PDB file of N, CA and C in Angstrom:
ATOM      1  N   UNK A   1     140.882 -43.402 -10.587  1.00  0.00           N
ATOM      2  CA  UNK A   1     140.999 -42.963  -9.281  1.00  0.00           C
ATOM      3  C   UNK A   1     142.427 -42.848  -8.790  1.00  0.00           C
ATOM      4  N   UNK A   2     142.814 -41.650  -8.378  1.00  0.00           N
ATOM      5  CA  UNK A   2     144.205 -41.468  -8.032  1.00  0.00           C
ATOM      6  C   UNK A   2     144.271 -41.138  -6.509  1.00  0.00           C
ATOM      7  N   UNK A   3     143.279 -41.547  -5.751  1.00  0.00           N
ATOM      8  CA  UNK A   3     143.282 -41.266  -4.292  1.00  0.00           C
ATOM      9  C   UNK A   3     142.612 -42.408  -3.562  1.00  0.00           C
ATOM     10  N   UNK A   4     142.686 -42.346  -2.291  1.00  0.00           N
ATOM     11  CA  UNK A   4     142.124 -43.418  -1.472  1.00  0.00           C
ATOM     12  C   UNK A   4     140.720 -42.966  -0.919  1.00  0.00           C
ATOM     13  N   UNK A   5     139.821 -43.812  -1.002  1.00  0.00           N
ATOM     14  CA  UNK A   5     138.503 -43.553  -0.500  1.00  0.00           C
ATOM     15  C   UNK A   5     138.521 -43.121   1.013  1.00  0.00           C
ATOM     16  N   UNK A   6     137.711 -42.148   1.401  1.00  0.00           N
ATOM     17  CA  UNK A   6     137.771 -41.643   2.825  1.00  0.00           C
ATOM     18  C   UNK A   6     137.064 -42.568   3.792  1.00  0.00           C
ATOM     19  N   UNK A   7     137.641 -43.769   3.958  1.00  0.00           N
ATOM     20  CA  UNK A   7     137.027 -44.739   4.893  1.00  0.00           C
ATOM     21  C   UNK A   7     137.997 -44.999   5.976  1.00  0.00           C
ATOM     22  N   UNK A   8     137.442 -45.008   7.164  1.00  0.00           N
ATOM     23  CA  UNK A   8     138.225 -45.345   8.451  1.00  0.00           C
ATOM     24  C   UNK A   8     138.286 -46.837   8.500  1.00  0.00           C
ATOM     25  N   UNK A   9     139.388 -47.512   7.960  1.00  0.00           N
ATOM     26  CA  UNK A   9     139.492 -48.946   7.953  1.00  0.00           C
ATOM     27  C   UNK A   9     139.494 -49.548   9.399  1.00  0.00           C
ATOM     28  N   UNK A  10     139.857 -48.724  10.374  1.00  0.00           N
ATOM     29  CA  UNK A  10     139.947 -49.305  11.768  1.00  0.00           C
ATOM     30  C   UNK A  10     138.575 -49.423  12.402  1.00  0.00           C
ATOM     31  N   UNK A  11     137.606 -48.633  11.895  1.00  0.00           N
ATOM     32  CA  UNK A  11     136.282 -48.606  12.511  1.00  0.00           C
ATOM     33  C   UNK A  11     135.341 -49.763  11.995  1.00  0.00           C
ATOM     34  N   UNK A  12     135.555 -50.151  10.733  1.00  0.00           N
ATOM     35  CA  UNK A  12     134.591 -50.991  10.112  1.00  0.00           C
ATOM     36  C   UNK A  12     135.096 -52.404   9.782  1.00  0.00           C
ATOM     37  N   UNK A  13     134.271 -53.362   9.691  1.00  0.00           N
ATOM     38  CA  UNK A  13     134.635 -54.762   9.359  1.00  0.00           C
ATOM     39  C   UNK A  13     134.998 -54.778   7.778  1.00  0.00           C
ATOM     40  N   UNK A  14     135.629 -55.809   7.389  1.00  0.00           N
ATOM     41  CA  UNK A  14     135.875 -55.941   6.025  1.00  0.00           C
ATOM     42  C   UNK A  14     134.695 -55.896   5.126  1.00  0.00           C
ATOM     43  N   UNK A  15     133.606 -56.552   5.575  1.00  0.00           N
ATOM     44  CA  UNK A  15     132.343 -56.517   4.802  1.00  0.00           C
ATOM     45  C   UNK A  15     131.692 -55.002   4.743  1.00  0.00           C
ATOM     46  N   UNK A  16     131.840 -54.415   5.982  1.00  0.00           N
ATOM     47  CA  UNK A  16     131.380 -52.930   5.897  1.00  0.00           C
ATOM     48  C   UNK A  16     132.167 -52.014   4.988  1.00  0.00           C
ATOM     49  N   UNK A  17     133.493 -52.188   5.024  1.00  0.00           N
ATOM     50  CA  UNK A  17     134.327 -51.453   4.113  1.00  0.00           C
ATOM     51  C   UNK A  17     134.006 -51.705   2.686  1.00  0.00           C
ATOM     52  N   UNK A  18     133.786 -52.966   2.333  1.00  0.00           N
ATOM     53  CA  UNK A  18     133.428 -53.307   1.009  1.00  0.00           C
ATOM     54  C   UNK A  18     132.117 -52.694   0.589  1.00  0.00           C
ATOM     55  N   UNK A  19     131.132 -52.627   1.416  1.00  0.00           N
ATOM     56  CA  UNK A  19     129.835 -51.970   1.169  1.00  0.00           C
ATOM     57  C   UNK A  19     130.007 -50.480   0.937  1.00  0.00           C
ATOM     58  N   UNK A  20     130.855 -49.842   1.741  1.00  0.00           N
ATOM     59  CA  UNK A  20     131.106 -48.355   1.659  1.00  0.00           C
ATOM     60  C   UNK A  20     131.860 -48.122   0.247  1.00  0.00           C
ATOM     61  N   UNK A  21     132.863 -48.885   0.054  1.00  0.00           N
ATOM     62  CA  UNK A  21     133.637 -48.682  -1.203  1.00  0.00           C
ATOM     63  C   UNK A  21     132.802 -49.031  -2.429  1.00  0.00           C
ATOM     64  N   UNK A  22     132.006 -50.096  -2.333  1.00  0.00           N
ATOM     65  CA  UNK A  22     131.157 -50.468  -3.481  1.00  0.00           C
ATOM     66  C   UNK A  22     130.219 -49.197  -3.825  1.00  0.00           C
ATOM     67  N   UNK A  23     129.653 -48.571  -2.814  1.00  0.00           N
ATOM     68  CA  UNK A  23     128.804 -47.451  -3.068  1.00  0.00           C
ATOM     69  C   UNK A  23     129.567 -46.238  -3.608  1.00  0.00           C
ATOM     70  N   UNK A  24     130.684 -45.884  -3.022  1.00  0.00           N
ATOM     71  CA  UNK A  24     131.522 -44.792  -3.549  1.00  0.00           C
ATOM     72  C   UNK A  24     132.027 -45.021  -4.960  1.00  0.00           C
ATOM     73  N   UNK A  25     132.482 -46.236  -5.227  1.00  0.00           N
ATOM     74  CA  UNK A  25     132.968 -46.530  -6.642  1.00  0.00           C
ATOM     75  C   UNK A  25     131.831 -46.466  -7.602  1.00  0.00           C
ATOM     76  N   UNK A  26     130.687 -46.996  -7.244  1.00  0.00           N
ATOM     77  CA  UNK A  26     129.476 -46.878  -8.128  1.00  0.00           C
ATOM     78  C   UNK A  26     129.169 -45.436  -8.496  1.00  0.00           C
ATOM     79  N   UNK A  27     129.087 -44.577  -7.393  1.00  0.00           N
ATOM     80  CA  UNK A  27     128.747 -43.246  -7.530  1.00  0.00           C
ATOM     81  C   UNK A  27     129.832 -42.578  -8.422  1.00  0.00           C
ATOM     82  N   UNK A  28     131.084 -42.859  -8.218  1.00  0.00           N
ATOM     83  CA  UNK A  28     132.197 -42.190  -8.938  1.00  0.00           C
ATOM     84  C   UNK A  28     132.129 -42.611 -10.422  1.00  0.00           C
ATOM     85  N   UNK A  29     131.943 -43.851 -10.751  1.00  0.00           N
ATOM     86  CA  UNK A  29     131.952 -44.345 -12.052  1.00  0.00           C
ATOM     87  C   UNK A  29     130.629 -43.984 -12.869  1.00  0.00           C
ATOM     88  N   UNK A  30     129.514 -43.741 -12.218  1.00  0.00           N
ATOM     89  CA  UNK A  30     128.223 -43.527 -12.819  1.00  0.00           C
ATOM     90  C   UNK A  30     127.549 -42.205 -12.565  1.00  0.00           C
ATOM     91  N   UNK A  31     128.312 -41.318 -11.922  1.00  0.00           N
ATOM     92  CA  UNK A  31     127.627 -40.127 -11.426  1.00  0.00           C
ATOM     93  C   UNK A  31     126.888 -39.290 -12.447  1.00  0.00           C
ATOM     94  N   UNK A  32     127.320 -39.395 -13.698  1.00  0.00           N
ATOM     95  CA  UNK A  32     126.530 -38.672 -14.638  1.00  0.00           C
ATOM     96  C   UNK A  32     125.230 -39.309 -15.216  1.00  0.00           C
ATOM     97  N   UNK A  33     125.216 -40.634 -15.122  1.00  0.00           N
ATOM     98  CA  UNK A  33     124.017 -41.452 -15.472  1.00  0.00           C
ATOM     99  C   UNK A  33     123.721 -42.474 -14.532  1.00  0.00           C
ATOM    100  N   UNK A  34     123.187 -42.087 -13.408  1.00  0.00           N
ATOM    101  CA  UNK A  34     122.918 -42.988 -12.270  1.00  0.00           C
ATOM    102  C   UNK A  34     121.601 -43.727 -12.534  1.00  0.00           C
ATOM    103  N   UNK A  35     121.592 -44.984 -12.262  1.00  0.00           N
ATOM    104  CA  UNK A  35     120.294 -45.832 -12.404  1.00  0.00           C
ATOM    105  C   UNK A  35     119.700 -45.658 -11.001  1.00  0.00           C
ATOM    106  N   UNK A  36     118.411 -45.132 -10.881  1.00  0.00           N
ATOM    107  CA  UNK A  36     117.813 -44.909  -9.634  1.00  0.00           C
ATOM    108  C   UNK A  36     117.724 -46.117  -8.714  1.00  0.00           C
ATOM    109  N   UNK A  37     117.357 -47.304  -9.245  1.00  0.00           N
ATOM    110  CA  UNK A  37     117.225 -48.456  -8.410  1.00  0.00           C
ATOM    111  C   UNK A  37     118.468 -48.898  -7.858  1.00  0.00           C
ATOM    112  N   UNK A  38     119.450 -48.935  -8.661  1.00  0.00           N
ATOM    113  CA  UNK A  38     120.857 -49.311  -8.339  1.00  0.00           C
ATOM    114  C   UNK A  38     121.395 -48.423  -7.210  1.00  0.00           C
ATOM    115  N   UNK A  39     121.257 -47.134  -7.511  1.00  0.00           N
ATOM    116  CA  UNK A  39     121.783 -46.108  -6.639  1.00  0.00           C
ATOM    117  C   UNK A  39     121.084 -46.192  -5.256  1.00  0.00           C
ATOM    118  N   UNK A  40     119.765 -46.270  -5.270  1.00  0.00           N
ATOM    119  CA  UNK A  40     119.021 -46.441  -4.014  1.00  0.00           C
ATOM    120  C   UNK A  40     119.409 -47.562  -3.241  1.00  0.00           C
ATOM    121  N   UNK A  41     119.543 -48.771  -3.863  1.00  0.00           N
ATOM    122  CA  UNK A  41     119.792 -49.961  -3.114  1.00  0.00           C
ATOM    123  C   UNK A  41     121.271 -49.839  -2.426  1.00  0.00           C
ATOM    124  N   UNK A  42     122.176 -49.347  -3.254  1.00  0.00           N
ATOM    125  CA  UNK A  42     123.542 -49.252  -2.730  1.00  0.00           C
ATOM    126  C   UNK A  42     123.658 -48.012  -1.702  1.00  0.00           C
ATOM    127  N   UNK A  43     122.822 -46.947  -1.811  1.00  0.00           N
ATOM    128  CA  UNK A  43     122.874 -45.890  -0.927  1.00  0.00           C
ATOM    129  C   UNK A  43     122.162 -46.351   0.374  1.00  0.00           C
ATOM    130  N   UNK A  44     121.091 -47.003   0.302  1.00  0.00           N
ATOM    131  CA  UNK A  44     120.480 -47.529   1.576  1.00  0.00           C
ATOM    132  C   UNK A  44     121.382 -48.499   2.339  1.00  0.00           C
ATOM    133  N   UNK A  45     122.022 -49.377   1.692  1.00  0.00           N
ATOM    134  CA  UNK A  45     123.099 -50.267   2.316  1.00  0.00           C
ATOM    135  C   UNK A  45     124.160 -49.555   2.903  1.00  0.00           C
ATOM    136  N   UNK A  46     124.696 -48.536   2.147  1.00  0.00           N
ATOM    137  CA  UNK A  46     125.730 -47.703   2.564  1.00  0.00           C
ATOM    138  C   UNK A  46     125.407 -46.898   3.895  1.00  0.00           C
ATOM    139  N   UNK A  47     124.227 -46.362   3.965  1.00  0.00           N
ATOM    140  CA  UNK A  47     123.732 -45.456   5.102  1.00  0.00           C
ATOM    141  C   UNK A  47     123.582 -46.426   6.268  1.00  0.00           C
ATOM    142  N   UNK A  48     123.026 -47.622   6.081  1.00  0.00           N
ATOM    143  CA  UNK A  48     122.850 -48.559   7.229  1.00  0.00           C
ATOM    144  C   UNK A  48     124.322 -49.036   7.770  1.00  0.00           C
ATOM    145  N   UNK A  49     125.240 -49.121   7.026  1.00  0.00           N
ATOM    146  CA  UNK A  49     126.595 -49.434   7.411  1.00  0.00           C
ATOM    147  C   UNK A  49     127.295 -48.416   8.307  1.00  0.00           C
ATOM    148  N   UNK A  50     127.169 -47.100   7.984  1.00  0.00           N
ATOM    149  CA  UNK A  50     127.740 -46.099   8.728  1.00  0.00           C
ATOM    150  C   UNK A  50     127.253 -46.001  10.106  1.00  0.00           C
ATOM    151  N   UNK A  51     128.132 -45.513  11.065  1.00  0.00           N
ATOM    152  CA  UNK A  51     127.735 -45.467  12.411  1.00  0.00           C
ATOM    153  C   UNK A  51     126.884 -44.247  12.791  1.00  0.00           C
ATOM    154  N   UNK A  52     126.947 -43.082  11.986  1.00  0.00           N
ATOM    155  CA  UNK A  52     126.252 -41.919  12.453  1.00  0.00           C
ATOM    156  C   UNK A  52     126.083 -40.914  11.300  1.00  0.00           C
ATOM    157  N   UNK A  53     125.251 -39.909  11.619  1.00  0.00           N
ATOM    158  CA  UNK A  53     125.011 -38.917  10.605  1.00  0.00           C
ATOM    159  C   UNK A  53     126.317 -37.995  10.374  1.00  0.00           C
ATOM    160  N   UNK A  54     127.104 -37.904  11.542  1.00  0.00           N
ATOM    161  CA  UNK A  54     128.284 -37.145  11.404  1.00  0.00           C
ATOM    162  C   UNK A  54     129.378 -37.846  10.546  1.00  0.00           C
ATOM    163  N   UNK A  55     129.333 -39.239  10.619  1.00  0.00           N
ATOM    164  CA  UNK A  55     130.193 -39.943   9.767  1.00  0.00           C
ATOM    165  C   UNK A  55     129.821 -39.972   8.314  1.00  0.00           C
ATOM    166  N   UNK A  56     128.560 -39.878   8.035  1.00  0.00           N
ATOM    167  CA  UNK A  56     127.976 -39.572   6.598  1.00  0.00           C
ATOM    168  C   UNK A  56     128.504 -38.338   6.090  1.00  0.00           C
ATOM    169  N   UNK A  57     128.393 -37.300   6.931  1.00  0.00           N
ATOM    170  CA  UNK A  57     128.867 -35.974   6.572  1.00  0.00           C
ATOM    171  C   UNK A  57     130.348 -35.914   6.317  1.00  0.00           C
ATOM    172  N   UNK A  58     131.103 -36.497   7.266  1.00  0.00           N
ATOM    173  CA  UNK A  58     132.571 -36.554   7.045  1.00  0.00           C
ATOM    174  C   UNK A  58     132.969 -37.218   5.744  1.00  0.00           C
ATOM    175  N   UNK A  59     132.415 -38.382   5.431  1.00  0.00           N
ATOM    176  CA  UNK A  59     132.766 -39.001   4.247  1.00  0.00           C
ATOM    177  C   UNK A  59     132.295 -38.306   2.980  1.00  0.00           C
ATOM    178  N   UNK A  60     131.130 -37.673   3.003  1.00  0.00           N
ATOM    179  CA  UNK A  60     130.626 -36.952   2.013  1.00  0.00           C
ATOM    180  C   UNK A  60     131.513 -35.693   1.685  1.00  0.00           C
ATOM    181  N   UNK A  61     131.940 -34.985   2.693  1.00  0.00           N
ATOM    182  CA  UNK A  61     132.806 -33.839   2.505  1.00  0.00           C
ATOM    183  C   UNK A  61     134.173 -34.217   1.956  1.00  0.00           C
ATOM    184  N   UNK A  62     134.756 -35.293   2.448  1.00  0.00           N
ATOM    185  CA  UNK A  62     135.993 -35.697   2.012  1.00  0.00           C
ATOM    186  C   UNK A  62     135.979 -36.270   0.572  1.00  0.00           C
ATOM    187  N   UNK A  63     134.879 -37.085   0.308  1.00  0.00           N
ATOM    188  CA  UNK A  63     134.681 -37.686  -1.046  1.00  0.00           C
ATOM    189  C   UNK A  63     134.518 -36.578  -1.992  1.00  0.00           C
ATOM    190  N   UNK A  64     133.711 -35.450  -1.638  1.00  0.00           N
ATOM    191  CA  UNK A  64     133.571 -34.347  -2.600  1.00  0.00           C
ATOM    192  C   UNK A  64     134.875 -33.671  -2.872  1.00  0.00           C
ATOM    193  N   UNK A  65     135.613 -33.450  -1.845  1.00  0.00           N
ATOM    194  CA  UNK A  65     136.941 -32.821  -1.916  1.00  0.00           C
ATOM    195  C   UNK A  65     137.787 -33.611  -2.883  1.00  0.00           C
ATOM    196  N   UNK A  66     137.838 -34.861  -2.789  1.00  0.00           N
ATOM    197  CA  UNK A  66     138.678 -35.708  -3.690  1.00  0.00           C
ATOM    198  C   UNK A  66     138.133 -35.893  -5.143  1.00  0.00           C
ATOM    199  N   UNK A  67     136.867 -36.002  -5.226  1.00  0.00           N
ATOM    200  CA  UNK A  67     136.221 -36.487  -6.561  1.00  0.00           C
ATOM    201  C   UNK A  67     135.393 -35.260  -7.168  1.00  0.00           C
ATOM    202  N   UNK A  68     135.159 -34.198  -6.421  1.00  0.00           N
ATOM    203  CA  UNK A  68     134.137 -33.294  -6.852  1.00  0.00           C
ATOM    204  C   UNK A  68     132.740 -33.806  -7.080  1.00  0.00           C
ATOM    205  N   UNK A  69     132.372 -34.869  -6.355  1.00  0.00           N
ATOM    206  CA  UNK A  69     131.034 -35.496  -6.372  1.00  0.00           C
ATOM    207  C   UNK A  69     130.573 -35.506  -4.972  1.00  0.00           C
ATOM    208  N   UNK A  70     129.343 -34.869  -4.756  1.00  0.00           N
ATOM    209  CA  UNK A  70     128.727 -34.856  -3.521  1.00  0.00           C
ATOM    210  C   UNK A  70     127.716 -35.977  -3.400  1.00  0.00           C
ATOM    211  N   UNK A  71     127.820 -36.806  -2.380  1.00  0.00           N
ATOM    212  CA  UNK A  71     126.769 -37.882  -2.155  1.00  0.00           C
ATOM    213  C   UNK A  71     125.520 -37.233  -1.837  1.00  0.00           C
ATOM    214  N   UNK A  72     125.449 -36.287  -0.950  1.00  0.00           N
ATOM    215  CA  UNK A  72     124.240 -35.646  -0.507  1.00  0.00           C
ATOM    216  C   UNK A  72     123.546 -34.965  -1.676  1.00  0.00           C
ATOM    217  N   UNK A  73     124.292 -34.299  -2.561  1.00  0.00           N
ATOM    218  CA  UNK A  73     123.723 -33.665  -3.774  1.00  0.00           C
ATOM    219  C   UNK A  73     123.056 -34.555  -4.657  1.00  0.00           C
ATOM    220  N   UNK A  74     123.774 -35.616  -4.898  1.00  0.00           N
ATOM    221  CA  UNK A  74     123.359 -36.758  -5.822  1.00  0.00           C
ATOM    222  C   UNK A  74     122.069 -37.334  -5.316  1.00  0.00           C
ATOM    223  N   UNK A  75     122.077 -37.694  -4.082  1.00  0.00           N
ATOM    224  CA  UNK A  75     120.849 -38.281  -3.466  1.00  0.00           C
ATOM    225  C   UNK A  75     119.674 -37.243  -3.536  1.00  0.00           C
ATOM    226  N   UNK A  76     119.960 -36.044  -3.324  1.00  0.00           N
ATOM    227  CA  UNK A  76     118.753 -34.946  -3.366  1.00  0.00           C
ATOM    228  C   UNK A  76     118.356 -34.932  -4.860  1.00  0.00           C
ATOM    229  N   UNK A  77     119.336 -34.949  -5.848  1.00  0.00           N
ATOM    230  CA  UNK A  77     118.846 -34.814  -7.290  1.00  0.00           C
ATOM    231  C   UNK A  77     117.903 -36.083  -7.589  1.00  0.00           C
ATOM    232  N   UNK A  78     118.122 -37.163  -6.977  1.00  0.00           N
ATOM    233  CA  UNK A  78     117.256 -38.297  -7.265  1.00  0.00           C
ATOM    234  C   UNK A  78     116.128 -38.427  -6.359  1.00  0.00           C
ATOM    235  N   UNK A  79     115.923 -37.406  -5.505  1.00  0.00           N
ATOM    236  CA  UNK A  79     114.730 -37.334  -4.648  1.00  0.00           C
ATOM    237  C   UNK A  79     114.789 -38.202  -3.381  1.00  0.00           C
ATOM    238  N   UNK A  80     115.948 -38.476  -2.894  1.00  0.00           N
ATOM    239  CA  UNK A  80     116.218 -39.257  -1.736  1.00  0.00           C
ATOM    240  C   UNK A  80     116.431 -38.377  -0.516  1.00  0.00           C
TER     241      UNK A  80
END
């Protein structure tokens, strides 16, 4: 990874930032061969951590721009 994850460090606690980064790094490292159970657990925790749907969209858009991986598309591929 040669970029910084699109997380607003001012908005979230350390634990929340860790949850968001854990999910994004898992997705980045395993996007070609995602384990459904692991992805779902991390995705659910990630979504509960974020403040709003608009924040989910913002992070997804920026993460896709940086990594060419869409959180939304991956979730849809897995039926979530």
